[in-house]
N, C-alpha and C. Protein backbone atom coordinates (compact mmCIF):
# COMPACT_ATOMS: atom_id res chain seq x y z
N MET A 1 22.54 43.38 -148.55
CA MET A 1 22.18 44.43 -147.62
C MET A 1 20.74 44.83 -147.88
N THR A 2 20.01 45.04 -146.85
CA THR A 2 18.64 45.50 -146.98
C THR A 2 18.50 46.86 -146.31
N ILE A 3 17.58 47.64 -146.77
CA ILE A 3 17.43 49.00 -146.26
C ILE A 3 16.79 49.01 -144.88
N THR A 4 15.78 48.18 -144.68
CA THR A 4 15.11 48.19 -143.39
C THR A 4 16.00 47.60 -142.32
N ARG A 5 16.04 48.25 -141.17
CA ARG A 5 16.96 47.89 -140.10
C ARG A 5 16.29 47.07 -139.00
N GLY A 6 15.42 47.69 -138.21
CA GLY A 6 14.94 46.99 -137.04
C GLY A 6 13.45 47.04 -136.80
N ALA A 7 12.75 47.90 -137.49
CA ALA A 7 11.31 48.01 -137.25
C ALA A 7 10.60 46.77 -137.80
N ASP A 8 9.58 46.33 -137.08
CA ASP A 8 8.81 45.19 -137.57
C ASP A 8 7.73 45.70 -138.53
N ASN A 9 7.03 44.76 -139.16
CA ASN A 9 6.03 45.13 -140.16
C ASN A 9 4.92 46.00 -139.59
N ALA A 10 4.49 45.74 -138.36
CA ALA A 10 3.43 46.55 -137.75
C ALA A 10 3.91 47.99 -137.57
N GLU A 11 5.16 48.16 -137.15
CA GLU A 11 5.71 49.51 -137.00
C GLU A 11 5.75 50.23 -138.34
N LEU A 12 6.18 49.51 -139.37
CA LEU A 12 6.28 50.12 -140.69
C LEU A 12 4.92 50.48 -141.26
N ARG A 13 3.90 49.66 -140.97
CA ARG A 13 2.55 49.97 -141.44
C ARG A 13 2.00 51.21 -140.75
N ALA A 14 2.33 51.40 -139.46
CA ALA A 14 1.83 52.54 -138.70
C ALA A 14 2.66 53.81 -138.95
N LEU A 15 3.83 53.66 -139.47
CA LEU A 15 4.75 54.78 -139.63
C LEU A 15 4.20 55.94 -140.47
N PRO A 16 3.59 55.69 -141.62
CA PRO A 16 3.12 56.82 -142.44
C PRO A 16 2.15 57.75 -141.70
N GLU A 17 1.26 57.20 -140.92
CA GLU A 17 0.32 58.05 -140.19
C GLU A 17 1.05 58.91 -139.16
N GLY A 18 2.02 58.33 -138.48
CA GLY A 18 2.83 59.11 -137.53
C GLY A 18 3.62 60.20 -138.22
N VAL A 19 4.14 59.89 -139.39
CA VAL A 19 4.89 60.89 -140.17
C VAL A 19 3.96 62.03 -140.57
N ARG A 20 2.76 61.72 -141.04
CA ARG A 20 1.82 62.76 -141.45
C ARG A 20 1.41 63.65 -140.27
N ARG A 21 1.39 63.07 -139.06
CA ARG A 21 1.08 63.85 -137.85
C ARG A 21 2.31 64.56 -137.30
N LEU A 22 3.46 64.40 -137.97
CA LEU A 22 4.74 65.00 -137.56
C LEU A 22 5.20 64.51 -136.18
N ALA A 23 4.91 63.25 -135.87
CA ALA A 23 5.32 62.66 -134.60
C ALA A 23 6.84 62.42 -134.62
N PRO A 24 7.57 62.97 -133.66
CA PRO A 24 9.03 62.81 -133.64
C PRO A 24 9.49 61.35 -133.67
N ASP A 25 8.79 60.47 -132.94
CA ASP A 25 9.19 59.06 -132.93
C ASP A 25 9.08 58.42 -134.32
N ALA A 26 8.06 58.84 -135.08
CA ALA A 26 7.88 58.30 -136.43
C ALA A 26 9.05 58.72 -137.32
N PHE A 27 9.46 59.98 -137.21
CA PHE A 27 10.59 60.45 -138.01
C PHE A 27 11.88 59.77 -137.59
N ARG A 28 12.04 59.56 -136.31
CA ARG A 28 13.24 58.87 -135.81
C ARG A 28 13.30 57.46 -136.37
N THR A 29 12.17 56.75 -136.33
CA THR A 29 12.12 55.39 -136.86
C THR A 29 12.40 55.38 -138.36
N LEU A 30 11.77 56.31 -139.07
CA LEU A 30 11.99 56.39 -140.52
C LEU A 30 13.46 56.66 -140.82
N TYR A 31 14.05 57.58 -140.10
CA TYR A 31 15.47 57.89 -140.31
C TYR A 31 16.33 56.67 -140.00
N ASP A 32 16.07 56.01 -138.87
CA ASP A 32 16.85 54.82 -138.50
C ASP A 32 16.73 53.73 -139.56
N GLU A 33 15.56 53.60 -140.16
CA GLU A 33 15.34 52.57 -141.16
C GLU A 33 16.02 52.87 -142.49
N LEU A 34 16.08 54.15 -142.86
CA LEU A 34 16.49 54.48 -144.22
C LEU A 34 17.81 55.23 -144.36
N ALA A 35 18.33 55.84 -143.33
CA ALA A 35 19.49 56.72 -143.47
C ALA A 35 20.70 56.01 -144.06
N ASP A 36 21.03 54.82 -143.59
CA ASP A 36 22.20 54.12 -144.11
C ASP A 36 22.06 53.84 -145.61
N GLY A 37 20.91 53.37 -146.02
CA GLY A 37 20.69 53.08 -147.43
C GLY A 37 20.70 54.33 -148.29
N LEU A 38 20.09 55.40 -147.79
CA LEU A 38 20.10 56.66 -148.53
C LEU A 38 21.51 57.21 -148.65
N ASN A 39 22.28 57.14 -147.57
CA ASN A 39 23.68 57.59 -147.61
C ASN A 39 24.50 56.76 -148.59
N SER A 40 24.32 55.45 -148.57
CA SER A 40 25.06 54.59 -149.50
C SER A 40 24.69 54.91 -150.94
N PHE A 41 23.40 55.13 -151.18
CA PHE A 41 22.94 55.48 -152.52
C PHE A 41 23.59 56.79 -152.98
N ALA A 42 23.57 57.79 -152.11
CA ALA A 42 24.16 59.09 -152.46
C ALA A 42 25.67 58.97 -152.69
N ILE A 43 26.34 58.20 -151.85
CA ILE A 43 27.79 57.99 -152.03
C ILE A 43 28.06 57.30 -153.36
N SER A 44 27.21 56.34 -153.74
CA SER A 44 27.42 55.64 -155.01
C SER A 44 27.30 56.59 -156.19
N LEU A 45 26.50 57.64 -156.06
CA LEU A 45 26.34 58.59 -157.14
C LEU A 45 27.40 59.69 -157.11
N LEU A 46 27.73 60.17 -155.91
CA LEU A 46 28.62 61.32 -155.78
C LEU A 46 30.08 60.95 -155.52
N ARG A 47 30.31 59.77 -154.94
CA ARG A 47 31.65 59.33 -154.56
C ARG A 47 32.32 60.32 -153.61
N ASP A 48 31.51 60.90 -152.73
CA ASP A 48 31.99 61.89 -151.76
C ASP A 48 31.08 61.80 -150.55
N ARG A 49 31.62 61.28 -149.44
CA ARG A 49 30.80 61.02 -148.26
C ARG A 49 30.15 62.29 -147.72
N ALA A 50 30.90 63.38 -147.61
CA ALA A 50 30.36 64.62 -147.04
C ALA A 50 29.23 65.17 -147.92
N ALA A 51 29.45 65.19 -149.23
CA ALA A 51 28.41 65.68 -150.14
C ALA A 51 27.19 64.77 -150.10
N ALA A 52 27.42 63.47 -149.96
CA ALA A 52 26.31 62.51 -149.87
C ALA A 52 25.49 62.75 -148.61
N GLU A 53 26.17 62.96 -147.48
CA GLU A 53 25.45 63.23 -146.23
C GLU A 53 24.65 64.52 -146.34
N ASP A 54 25.20 65.52 -146.99
CA ASP A 54 24.46 66.77 -147.20
C ASP A 54 23.21 66.53 -148.03
N ALA A 55 23.33 65.73 -149.09
CA ALA A 55 22.18 65.44 -149.94
C ALA A 55 21.08 64.72 -149.16
N VAL A 56 21.48 63.78 -148.32
CA VAL A 56 20.49 63.04 -147.52
C VAL A 56 19.83 63.97 -146.50
N GLN A 57 20.61 64.82 -145.86
CA GLN A 57 20.03 65.76 -144.90
C GLN A 57 19.05 66.71 -145.58
N GLN A 58 19.41 67.20 -146.76
CA GLN A 58 18.51 68.07 -147.51
C GLN A 58 17.21 67.34 -147.86
N ALA A 59 17.33 66.10 -148.26
CA ALA A 59 16.15 65.32 -148.61
C ALA A 59 15.25 65.11 -147.40
N PHE A 60 15.85 64.80 -146.24
CA PHE A 60 15.03 64.62 -145.04
C PHE A 60 14.37 65.92 -144.62
N LEU A 61 15.06 67.04 -144.74
CA LEU A 61 14.44 68.33 -144.41
C LEU A 61 13.25 68.61 -145.33
N GLU A 62 13.43 68.35 -146.60
CA GLU A 62 12.35 68.52 -147.56
C GLU A 62 11.19 67.57 -147.23
N PHE A 63 11.53 66.36 -146.82
CA PHE A 63 10.51 65.37 -146.46
C PHE A 63 9.69 65.83 -145.27
N VAL A 64 10.36 66.37 -144.25
CA VAL A 64 9.65 66.85 -143.06
C VAL A 64 8.66 67.94 -143.45
N GLN A 65 9.08 68.83 -144.32
CA GLN A 65 8.20 69.92 -144.75
C GLN A 65 7.00 69.39 -145.54
N ALA A 66 7.21 68.35 -146.32
CA ALA A 66 6.15 67.81 -147.17
C ALA A 66 5.29 66.76 -146.46
N ALA A 67 5.75 66.25 -145.32
CA ALA A 67 5.13 65.09 -144.66
C ALA A 67 3.63 65.19 -144.43
N PRO A 68 3.10 66.30 -143.94
CA PRO A 68 1.65 66.32 -143.68
C PRO A 68 0.81 66.04 -144.92
N GLY A 69 1.30 66.38 -146.10
CA GLY A 69 0.53 66.17 -147.31
C GLY A 69 0.85 64.89 -148.06
N LEU A 70 1.79 64.12 -147.58
CA LEU A 70 2.17 62.90 -148.27
C LEU A 70 1.13 61.81 -148.09
N ARG A 71 0.95 61.02 -149.12
CA ARG A 71 0.03 59.88 -149.07
C ARG A 71 0.83 58.62 -149.36
N GLY A 72 0.29 57.51 -148.96
CA GLY A 72 0.92 56.24 -149.28
C GLY A 72 1.48 55.56 -148.06
N ASP A 73 2.04 54.38 -148.31
CA ASP A 73 2.58 53.54 -147.25
C ASP A 73 4.08 53.79 -147.09
N PHE A 74 4.71 52.94 -146.29
CA PHE A 74 6.14 53.06 -146.05
C PHE A 74 6.94 52.99 -147.35
N ALA A 75 6.57 52.07 -148.24
CA ALA A 75 7.30 51.92 -149.51
C ALA A 75 7.21 53.20 -150.34
N ALA A 76 6.08 53.86 -150.32
CA ALA A 76 5.92 55.12 -151.06
C ALA A 76 6.79 56.20 -150.45
N MET A 77 6.86 56.25 -149.13
CA MET A 77 7.71 57.25 -148.47
C MET A 77 9.19 56.96 -148.72
N ARG A 78 9.54 55.69 -148.71
CA ARG A 78 10.92 55.30 -149.00
C ARG A 78 11.29 55.72 -150.42
N ALA A 79 10.40 55.46 -151.37
CA ALA A 79 10.65 55.85 -152.76
C ALA A 79 10.76 57.36 -152.87
N TRP A 80 9.91 58.10 -152.15
CA TRP A 80 9.95 59.56 -152.17
C TRP A 80 11.32 60.05 -151.71
N LEU A 81 11.83 59.47 -150.62
CA LEU A 81 13.13 59.89 -150.10
C LEU A 81 14.28 59.52 -151.04
N PHE A 82 14.26 58.33 -151.59
CA PHE A 82 15.33 57.94 -152.54
C PHE A 82 15.30 58.85 -153.76
N ARG A 83 14.12 59.16 -154.23
CA ARG A 83 14.01 60.05 -155.39
C ARG A 83 14.54 61.44 -155.05
N SER A 84 14.19 61.94 -153.89
CA SER A 84 14.66 63.25 -153.46
C SER A 84 16.18 63.27 -153.34
N VAL A 85 16.76 62.22 -152.75
CA VAL A 85 18.22 62.13 -152.64
C VAL A 85 18.84 62.11 -154.04
N ARG A 86 18.25 61.38 -154.94
CA ARG A 86 18.76 61.34 -156.31
C ARG A 86 18.78 62.73 -156.93
N PHE A 87 17.69 63.48 -156.76
CA PHE A 87 17.65 64.84 -157.32
C PHE A 87 18.71 65.74 -156.69
N ARG A 88 18.91 65.61 -155.38
CA ARG A 88 19.95 66.42 -154.71
C ARG A 88 21.33 66.05 -155.27
N CYS A 89 21.56 64.76 -155.49
CA CYS A 89 22.84 64.30 -156.05
C CYS A 89 23.02 64.81 -157.48
N LEU A 90 21.97 64.75 -158.28
CA LEU A 90 22.07 65.26 -159.65
C LEU A 90 22.38 66.75 -159.65
N ASP A 91 21.78 67.49 -158.73
CA ASP A 91 22.10 68.93 -158.61
C ASP A 91 23.58 69.12 -158.30
N GLU A 92 24.09 68.33 -157.38
CA GLU A 92 25.51 68.44 -157.01
C GLU A 92 26.41 68.05 -158.18
N ILE A 93 26.05 67.02 -158.92
CA ILE A 93 26.84 66.59 -160.07
C ILE A 93 26.87 67.72 -161.11
N ARG A 94 25.74 68.36 -161.33
CA ARG A 94 25.69 69.48 -162.28
C ARG A 94 26.55 70.65 -161.81
N ARG A 95 26.51 70.95 -160.50
CA ARG A 95 27.37 72.02 -159.95
C ARG A 95 28.83 71.69 -160.17
N ARG A 96 29.20 70.45 -159.91
CA ARG A 96 30.60 70.03 -160.11
C ARG A 96 31.01 70.17 -161.57
N GLN A 97 30.11 69.76 -162.47
CA GLN A 97 30.40 69.84 -163.90
C GLN A 97 30.61 71.30 -164.31
N ARG A 98 29.77 72.20 -163.83
CA ARG A 98 29.94 73.62 -164.16
C ARG A 98 31.27 74.14 -163.64
N ARG A 99 31.64 73.72 -162.42
CA ARG A 99 32.93 74.15 -161.86
C ARG A 99 34.09 73.62 -162.70
N ARG A 100 34.01 72.34 -163.12
CA ARG A 100 35.06 71.76 -163.96
C ARG A 100 35.16 72.50 -165.29
N GLU A 101 34.01 72.78 -165.90
CA GLU A 101 34.02 73.49 -167.18
C GLU A 101 34.64 74.87 -167.03
N THR A 102 34.32 75.54 -165.94
CA THR A 102 34.90 76.86 -165.69
C THR A 102 36.40 76.74 -165.50
N LEU A 103 36.83 75.76 -164.72
CA LEU A 103 38.26 75.55 -164.49
C LEU A 103 38.98 75.22 -165.79
N HIS A 104 38.40 74.31 -166.58
CA HIS A 104 39.03 73.91 -167.84
C HIS A 104 39.12 75.08 -168.80
N ALA A 105 38.14 75.95 -168.79
CA ALA A 105 38.17 77.12 -169.68
C ALA A 105 39.30 78.07 -169.29
N GLU A 106 39.70 78.04 -168.03
CA GLU A 106 40.75 78.95 -167.55
C GLU A 106 42.15 78.35 -167.65
N LEU A 107 42.27 77.04 -167.92
CA LEU A 107 43.57 76.40 -168.00
C LEU A 107 44.09 76.37 -169.43
N PRO A 108 45.39 76.46 -169.61
CA PRO A 108 45.95 76.35 -170.96
C PRO A 108 45.76 74.93 -171.51
N ASP A 109 45.55 74.83 -172.82
CA ASP A 109 45.29 73.54 -173.47
C ASP A 109 46.40 72.52 -173.24
N ASP A 110 47.66 72.94 -173.27
CA ASP A 110 48.76 71.99 -173.11
C ASP A 110 48.79 71.39 -171.72
N LEU A 111 48.29 72.11 -170.71
CA LEU A 111 48.22 71.56 -169.36
C LEU A 111 47.16 70.47 -169.29
N LEU A 112 46.02 70.71 -169.92
CA LEU A 112 44.94 69.71 -169.90
C LEU A 112 45.36 68.40 -170.55
N SER A 113 46.23 68.44 -171.54
CA SER A 113 46.64 67.21 -172.21
C SER A 113 47.50 66.32 -171.33
N THR A 114 48.05 66.84 -170.23
CA THR A 114 48.87 66.03 -169.35
C THR A 114 48.07 65.35 -168.25
N VAL A 115 46.78 65.69 -168.10
CA VAL A 115 45.94 65.10 -167.06
C VAL A 115 45.44 63.75 -167.53
N PRO A 116 45.66 62.68 -166.74
CA PRO A 116 45.19 61.36 -167.19
C PRO A 116 43.67 61.31 -167.18
N SER A 117 43.11 60.54 -168.10
CA SER A 117 41.65 60.40 -168.14
C SER A 117 41.21 59.43 -167.06
N PRO A 118 39.97 59.62 -166.54
CA PRO A 118 39.49 58.73 -165.49
C PRO A 118 39.26 57.32 -166.04
N GLY A 119 39.19 56.35 -165.14
CA GLY A 119 38.92 54.97 -165.53
C GLY A 119 40.20 54.22 -165.81
N GLY A 120 40.04 53.08 -166.46
CA GLY A 120 41.19 52.30 -166.84
C GLY A 120 41.58 51.28 -165.79
N GLY A 121 41.09 51.39 -164.57
CA GLY A 121 41.43 50.44 -163.52
C GLY A 121 40.60 49.19 -163.66
N GLY A 122 41.08 48.10 -163.11
CA GLY A 122 40.37 46.84 -163.23
C GLY A 122 39.42 46.55 -162.09
N ASP A 123 39.40 47.35 -161.06
CA ASP A 123 38.54 47.01 -159.93
C ASP A 123 37.11 47.48 -160.14
N LEU A 124 36.22 47.03 -159.30
CA LEU A 124 34.80 47.32 -159.45
C LEU A 124 34.52 48.81 -159.33
N ALA A 125 35.16 49.50 -158.40
CA ALA A 125 34.92 50.94 -158.23
C ALA A 125 35.27 51.69 -159.51
N ALA A 126 36.39 51.35 -160.10
CA ALA A 126 36.79 52.02 -161.34
C ALA A 126 35.81 51.68 -162.46
N ALA A 127 35.39 50.44 -162.52
CA ALA A 127 34.43 50.04 -163.55
C ALA A 127 33.10 50.75 -163.35
N MET A 128 32.66 50.86 -162.11
CA MET A 128 31.40 51.56 -161.81
C MET A 128 31.49 53.01 -162.23
N SER A 129 32.65 53.61 -162.09
CA SER A 129 32.79 55.02 -162.46
C SER A 129 32.65 55.22 -163.96
N GLU A 130 32.79 54.14 -164.73
CA GLU A 130 32.63 54.23 -166.18
C GLU A 130 31.17 54.17 -166.60
N LEU A 131 30.28 53.79 -165.68
CA LEU A 131 28.85 53.72 -165.99
C LEU A 131 28.22 55.10 -165.90
N THR A 132 27.08 55.24 -166.53
CA THR A 132 26.34 56.50 -166.41
C THR A 132 25.74 56.59 -165.02
N GLU A 133 25.34 57.79 -164.64
CA GLU A 133 24.68 57.99 -163.34
C GLU A 133 23.43 57.12 -163.25
N GLN A 134 22.67 57.05 -164.33
CA GLN A 134 21.43 56.25 -164.34
C GLN A 134 21.74 54.77 -164.15
N GLN A 135 22.79 54.28 -164.80
CA GLN A 135 23.16 52.87 -164.65
C GLN A 135 23.60 52.58 -163.23
N ARG A 136 24.42 53.46 -162.64
CA ARG A 136 24.85 53.26 -161.24
C ARG A 136 23.65 53.28 -160.31
N ALA A 137 22.73 54.20 -160.54
CA ALA A 137 21.54 54.30 -159.69
C ALA A 137 20.70 53.03 -159.76
N VAL A 138 20.46 52.53 -160.97
CA VAL A 138 19.66 51.31 -161.14
C VAL A 138 20.32 50.14 -160.43
N LEU A 139 21.62 49.95 -160.65
CA LEU A 139 22.32 48.83 -160.01
C LEU A 139 22.28 48.94 -158.49
N PHE A 140 22.51 50.14 -157.97
CA PHE A 140 22.48 50.32 -156.52
C PHE A 140 21.09 50.00 -155.97
N LEU A 141 20.07 50.61 -156.54
CA LEU A 141 18.71 50.43 -156.01
C LEU A 141 18.25 48.98 -156.12
N ARG A 142 18.60 48.30 -157.21
CA ARG A 142 18.19 46.90 -157.37
C ARG A 142 18.99 45.96 -156.48
N HIS A 143 20.31 46.09 -156.49
CA HIS A 143 21.16 45.08 -155.86
C HIS A 143 21.56 45.41 -154.43
N VAL A 144 21.67 46.67 -154.09
CA VAL A 144 22.07 47.04 -152.73
C VAL A 144 20.85 47.38 -151.89
N ALA A 145 19.99 48.26 -152.41
CA ALA A 145 18.81 48.65 -151.65
C ALA A 145 17.73 47.57 -151.71
N GLY A 146 17.85 46.64 -152.66
CA GLY A 146 16.90 45.53 -152.74
C GLY A 146 15.51 45.94 -153.21
N MET A 147 15.43 46.99 -153.99
CA MET A 147 14.13 47.46 -154.47
C MET A 147 13.67 46.64 -155.67
N SER A 148 12.36 46.57 -155.82
CA SER A 148 11.78 45.89 -156.98
C SER A 148 11.94 46.79 -158.20
N GLY A 149 11.70 46.22 -159.36
CA GLY A 149 11.76 47.00 -160.59
C GLY A 149 10.78 48.16 -160.55
N HIS A 150 9.60 47.92 -160.02
CA HIS A 150 8.59 48.98 -159.91
C HIS A 150 9.08 50.10 -158.98
N GLU A 151 9.64 49.74 -157.83
CA GLU A 151 10.13 50.75 -156.89
C GLU A 151 11.26 51.58 -157.50
N VAL A 152 12.16 50.93 -158.21
CA VAL A 152 13.26 51.64 -158.87
C VAL A 152 12.68 52.60 -159.91
N ALA A 153 11.69 52.15 -160.65
CA ALA A 153 11.06 52.99 -161.66
C ALA A 153 10.45 54.24 -161.03
N VAL A 154 9.82 54.09 -159.87
CA VAL A 154 9.24 55.25 -159.18
C VAL A 154 10.34 56.21 -158.75
N VAL A 155 11.40 55.69 -158.15
CA VAL A 155 12.50 56.54 -157.68
C VAL A 155 13.14 57.30 -158.84
N LEU A 156 13.33 56.63 -159.96
CA LEU A 156 14.05 57.22 -161.10
C LEU A 156 13.12 57.88 -162.12
N ASP A 157 11.82 57.87 -161.83
CA ASP A 157 10.83 58.50 -162.70
C ASP A 157 10.90 57.94 -164.12
N THR A 158 10.79 56.62 -164.19
CA THR A 158 10.83 55.94 -165.48
C THR A 158 9.87 54.75 -165.39
N ASN A 159 9.96 53.81 -166.31
CA ASN A 159 9.11 52.63 -166.24
C ASN A 159 9.96 51.38 -165.98
N ARG A 160 9.27 50.28 -165.64
CA ARG A 160 9.99 49.05 -165.30
C ARG A 160 10.82 48.53 -166.46
N ALA A 161 10.29 48.62 -167.67
CA ALA A 161 11.05 48.12 -168.83
C ALA A 161 12.37 48.87 -168.97
N ALA A 162 12.32 50.18 -168.76
CA ALA A 162 13.56 50.97 -168.85
C ALA A 162 14.52 50.59 -167.73
N VAL A 163 14.00 50.30 -166.55
CA VAL A 163 14.85 49.88 -165.44
C VAL A 163 15.57 48.59 -165.79
N PHE A 164 14.83 47.61 -166.30
CA PHE A 164 15.44 46.32 -166.62
C PHE A 164 16.43 46.45 -167.78
N ALA A 165 16.10 47.27 -168.77
CA ALA A 165 17.02 47.48 -169.89
C ALA A 165 18.29 48.17 -169.43
N THR A 166 18.15 49.17 -168.58
CA THR A 166 19.32 49.88 -168.06
C THR A 166 20.18 48.95 -167.23
N ALA A 167 19.55 48.14 -166.40
CA ALA A 167 20.30 47.18 -165.57
C ALA A 167 21.07 46.20 -166.46
N ALA A 168 20.43 45.71 -167.50
CA ALA A 168 21.09 44.75 -168.38
C ALA A 168 22.29 45.39 -169.08
N ARG A 169 22.11 46.62 -169.59
CA ARG A 169 23.23 47.32 -170.25
C ARG A 169 24.37 47.57 -169.26
N ALA A 170 24.02 47.98 -168.04
CA ALA A 170 25.04 48.27 -167.04
C ALA A 170 25.81 47.00 -166.67
N GLU A 171 25.10 45.90 -166.51
CA GLU A 171 25.76 44.64 -166.15
C GLU A 171 26.66 44.15 -167.29
N ARG A 172 26.20 44.30 -168.54
CA ARG A 172 27.06 43.94 -169.69
C ARG A 172 28.31 44.81 -169.72
N ARG A 173 28.13 46.10 -169.48
CA ARG A 173 29.26 47.03 -169.50
C ARG A 173 30.26 46.68 -168.39
N LEU A 174 29.74 46.38 -167.19
CA LEU A 174 30.63 45.99 -166.09
C LEU A 174 31.40 44.72 -166.43
N ARG A 175 30.70 43.73 -166.98
CA ARG A 175 31.39 42.49 -167.37
C ARG A 175 32.49 42.77 -168.38
N ALA A 176 32.19 43.62 -169.35
CA ALA A 176 33.20 43.95 -170.37
C ALA A 176 34.38 44.69 -169.75
N LEU A 177 34.08 45.65 -168.88
CA LEU A 177 35.16 46.41 -168.25
C LEU A 177 36.01 45.54 -167.35
N LEU A 178 35.37 44.72 -166.54
CA LEU A 178 36.11 43.87 -165.61
C LEU A 178 36.79 42.72 -166.33
N GLY A 179 36.13 42.16 -167.32
CA GLY A 179 36.73 41.07 -168.10
C GLY A 179 37.90 41.56 -168.91
N GLY A 180 37.74 42.74 -169.52
CA GLY A 180 38.83 43.31 -170.30
C GLY A 180 40.02 43.65 -169.43
N ALA A 181 39.76 44.10 -168.20
CA ALA A 181 40.85 44.45 -167.29
C ALA A 181 41.59 43.20 -166.85
N GLU A 182 40.83 42.11 -166.65
CA GLU A 182 41.47 40.87 -166.22
C GLU A 182 42.37 40.31 -167.32
N SER A 183 41.89 40.37 -168.59
CA SER A 183 42.72 39.81 -169.66
C SER A 183 43.96 40.67 -169.90
N ARG A 184 43.86 42.01 -169.70
CA ARG A 184 45.04 42.85 -169.85
C ARG A 184 46.05 42.59 -168.74
N SER A 185 45.56 42.32 -167.52
CA SER A 185 46.49 42.14 -166.40
C SER A 185 47.19 40.79 -166.45
N THR A 186 46.62 39.81 -167.16
CA THR A 186 47.26 38.50 -167.24
C THR A 186 48.16 38.38 -168.46
N ALA A 187 48.08 39.34 -169.35
CA ALA A 187 48.89 39.26 -170.57
C ALA A 187 50.33 39.67 -170.31
């Protein structure tokens, strides 16, 4: 899957100037090109379609406000939006964690011991849920969004070496989780 949908290279080269001028057609083209990929990225982090759509909408609203001052080409704007979506998702993950902690503090200990722990499934979705947010983000941006190591580094505010190391660790972890699940299911 690739993020760009239908605009040709000339359209994409002209897009940043239209965005800086707040031209509605430029924003429409940018949205058409990136919305599906941004939504998929947010869903991969949040595992909740509605929350993911909210994160993408918030990022686009922030982008519109910042657009006149933005510099760079289409790739820079794409990275800006993916990074913004990531921050919105991280905010939501933190809110969820605080809610869980509050709920757990209010529940009796013996009730908590009866709740099964997440994971343990052999499918890819279950294995992905065992990865860290950073590992899921790197794998999504590299393999689904088709971004280069440099682009992923910009989105995640890190360097290329860290991106490649994180990807390697995540892929090893997935192989172990999926391989271990396969051997348990055949035994």
